[in-house]
Amino acid sequence: MNDALKTFTVTGLDDQGCVTATYESPTSTTTGVLVVPEGATVSGGAEDLVVRLDDETELRAGDSVEGGGTSLQATNRATMDATNASVLDRVEQTCGADVAVVVNSW
C-alpha cells in the first residue's frame, strides 16, 4: 500500500522542545517527533513555530501536508527498518521519544 495517501500534521513542541506531528495513513494514526529531510528548517518556539520543508512549503502548528509512497512514514522500534534505526536513535537521545514521524523526501 505504498501509493496510499498519507498526511502529517504539525502539532507543536513537546516538553523537550522537539517538534511533534501526527501521522495518518489509511490504516493507522501515530503521534511522534517530527524528523524533516536535510535542507528543511525549523524555527520559532511554542507560539511561533515554523517548519519550512522547501521554498514553497511552510507549516505552523495545526497545518497538514499530504504525501504518497515512502515520503511520509511513522516509525518506532517495532516497525523500523535499517534506514530509520539511526534516526530513531537520535530522536531517543535528543527528545527522549520512541516514535518518529519521518519526512523522507519533499
Protein backbone atom coordinates (compact mmCIF):
# COMPACT_ATOMS: atom_id res chain seq x y z
CA MET A 1 0.00 0.00 0.00
CA ASN A 2 2.94 2.32 -0.73
CA ASP A 3 0.88 4.56 -3.01
CA ALA A 4 -1.76 5.27 -0.38
CA LEU A 5 -2.11 8.90 0.60
CA LYS A 6 -0.69 9.81 4.00
CA THR A 7 -0.96 13.03 5.99
CA PHE A 8 1.09 14.59 8.71
CA THR A 9 0.01 17.47 10.90
CA VAL A 10 2.45 19.60 12.88
CA THR A 11 1.11 19.57 16.44
CA GLY A 12 3.64 21.80 18.23
CA LEU A 13 6.54 21.38 20.64
CA ASP A 14 6.91 18.76 23.36
CA ASP A 15 8.41 19.28 26.82
CA GLN A 16 11.92 18.74 25.41
CA GLY A 17 11.42 21.42 22.73
CA CYS A 18 11.15 18.88 19.93
CA VAL A 19 8.63 19.39 17.12
CA THR A 20 5.80 16.86 17.24
CA ALA A 21 3.49 15.68 14.49
CA THR A 22 0.61 13.31 13.94
CA TYR A 23 0.89 10.86 11.03
CA GLU A 24 -2.25 9.46 9.45
CA SER A 25 -2.38 6.64 6.92
CA PRO A 26 -5.37 4.61 5.79
CA THR A 27 -4.56 2.03 8.49
CA SER A 28 -3.24 3.99 11.48
CA THR A 29 -2.70 7.29 13.30
CA THR A 30 0.55 7.89 15.18
CA THR A 31 1.98 10.87 17.06
CA GLY A 32 5.72 11.32 17.42
CA VAL A 33 8.70 13.61 16.97
CA LEU A 34 8.85 15.18 13.51
CA VAL A 35 12.03 14.40 11.54
CA VAL A 36 12.49 16.51 8.40
CA PRO A 37 14.81 15.96 5.43
CA GLU A 38 18.15 17.70 5.06
CA GLY A 39 17.69 21.28 3.95
CA ALA A 40 14.41 21.74 5.82
CA THR A 41 14.41 24.21 8.70
CA VAL A 42 12.58 24.60 11.97
CA SER A 43 12.40 27.97 13.72
CA GLY A 44 10.49 29.77 16.42
CA GLY A 45 9.11 28.50 19.68
CA ALA A 46 5.81 27.29 21.09
CA GLU A 47 3.94 30.42 20.00
CA ASP A 48 5.51 30.97 16.56
CA LEU A 49 6.77 27.56 15.40
CA VAL A 50 7.56 27.34 11.65
CA VAL A 51 8.66 24.21 9.78
CA ARG A 52 9.88 25.05 6.27
CA LEU A 53 10.18 21.95 4.07
CA ASP A 54 11.19 23.93 0.98
CA ASP A 55 10.76 27.39 -0.54
CA GLU A 56 7.06 26.77 -1.11
CA THR A 57 6.02 24.69 1.90
CA GLU A 58 5.90 26.43 5.27
CA LEU A 59 3.96 24.84 8.12
CA ARG A 60 2.83 26.13 11.50
CA ALA A 61 1.25 24.19 14.37
CA GLY A 62 -2.03 22.74 13.11
CA ASP A 63 -1.01 22.76 9.42
CA SER A 64 -1.10 19.50 7.45
CA VAL A 65 0.54 18.16 4.30
CA GLU A 66 -0.06 15.01 2.29
CA GLY A 67 2.36 12.62 0.64
CA GLY A 68 2.42 9.22 -1.01
CA GLY A 69 4.80 6.30 -1.25
CA THR A 70 7.55 6.40 1.36
CA SER A 71 7.82 10.20 1.50
CA LEU A 72 6.00 10.16 4.86
CA GLN A 73 6.09 7.43 7.47
CA ALA A 74 5.90 6.80 11.18
CA THR A 75 8.47 4.55 12.81
CA ASN A 76 9.18 3.01 16.19
CA ARG A 77 11.37 0.13 17.38
CA ALA A 78 8.76 -2.44 16.40
CA THR A 79 8.24 -1.16 12.84
CA MET A 80 11.54 0.47 11.87
CA ASP A 81 13.80 -0.62 9.07
CA ALA A 82 17.57 -0.28 9.00
CA THR A 83 17.36 3.13 7.31
CA ASN A 84 15.45 4.62 10.21
CA ALA A 85 17.39 2.96 13.04
CA SER A 86 19.90 5.80 13.33
CA VAL A 87 17.10 8.39 13.03
CA LEU A 88 15.22 6.77 15.89
CA ASP A 89 18.43 6.57 17.95
CA ARG A 90 18.88 10.34 17.59
CA VAL A 91 15.22 11.01 18.40
CA GLU A 92 15.53 8.94 21.58
CA GLN A 93 18.80 10.63 22.61
CA THR A 94 17.69 14.18 21.84
CA CYS A 95 13.99 14.13 22.65
CA GLY A 96 13.51 11.08 24.85
CA ALA A 97 10.83 9.85 22.44
CA ASP A 98 10.43 6.39 20.96
CA VAL A 99 8.25 7.29 17.96
CA ALA A 100 9.22 9.45 14.98
CA VAL A 101 7.15 10.89 12.14
CA VAL A 102 9.68 10.92 9.30
CA VAL A 103 9.53 13.04 6.17
CA ASN A 104 11.99 11.14 3.95
CA SER A 105 11.77 13.44 0.95
CA TRP A 106 9.93 16.51 -0.10
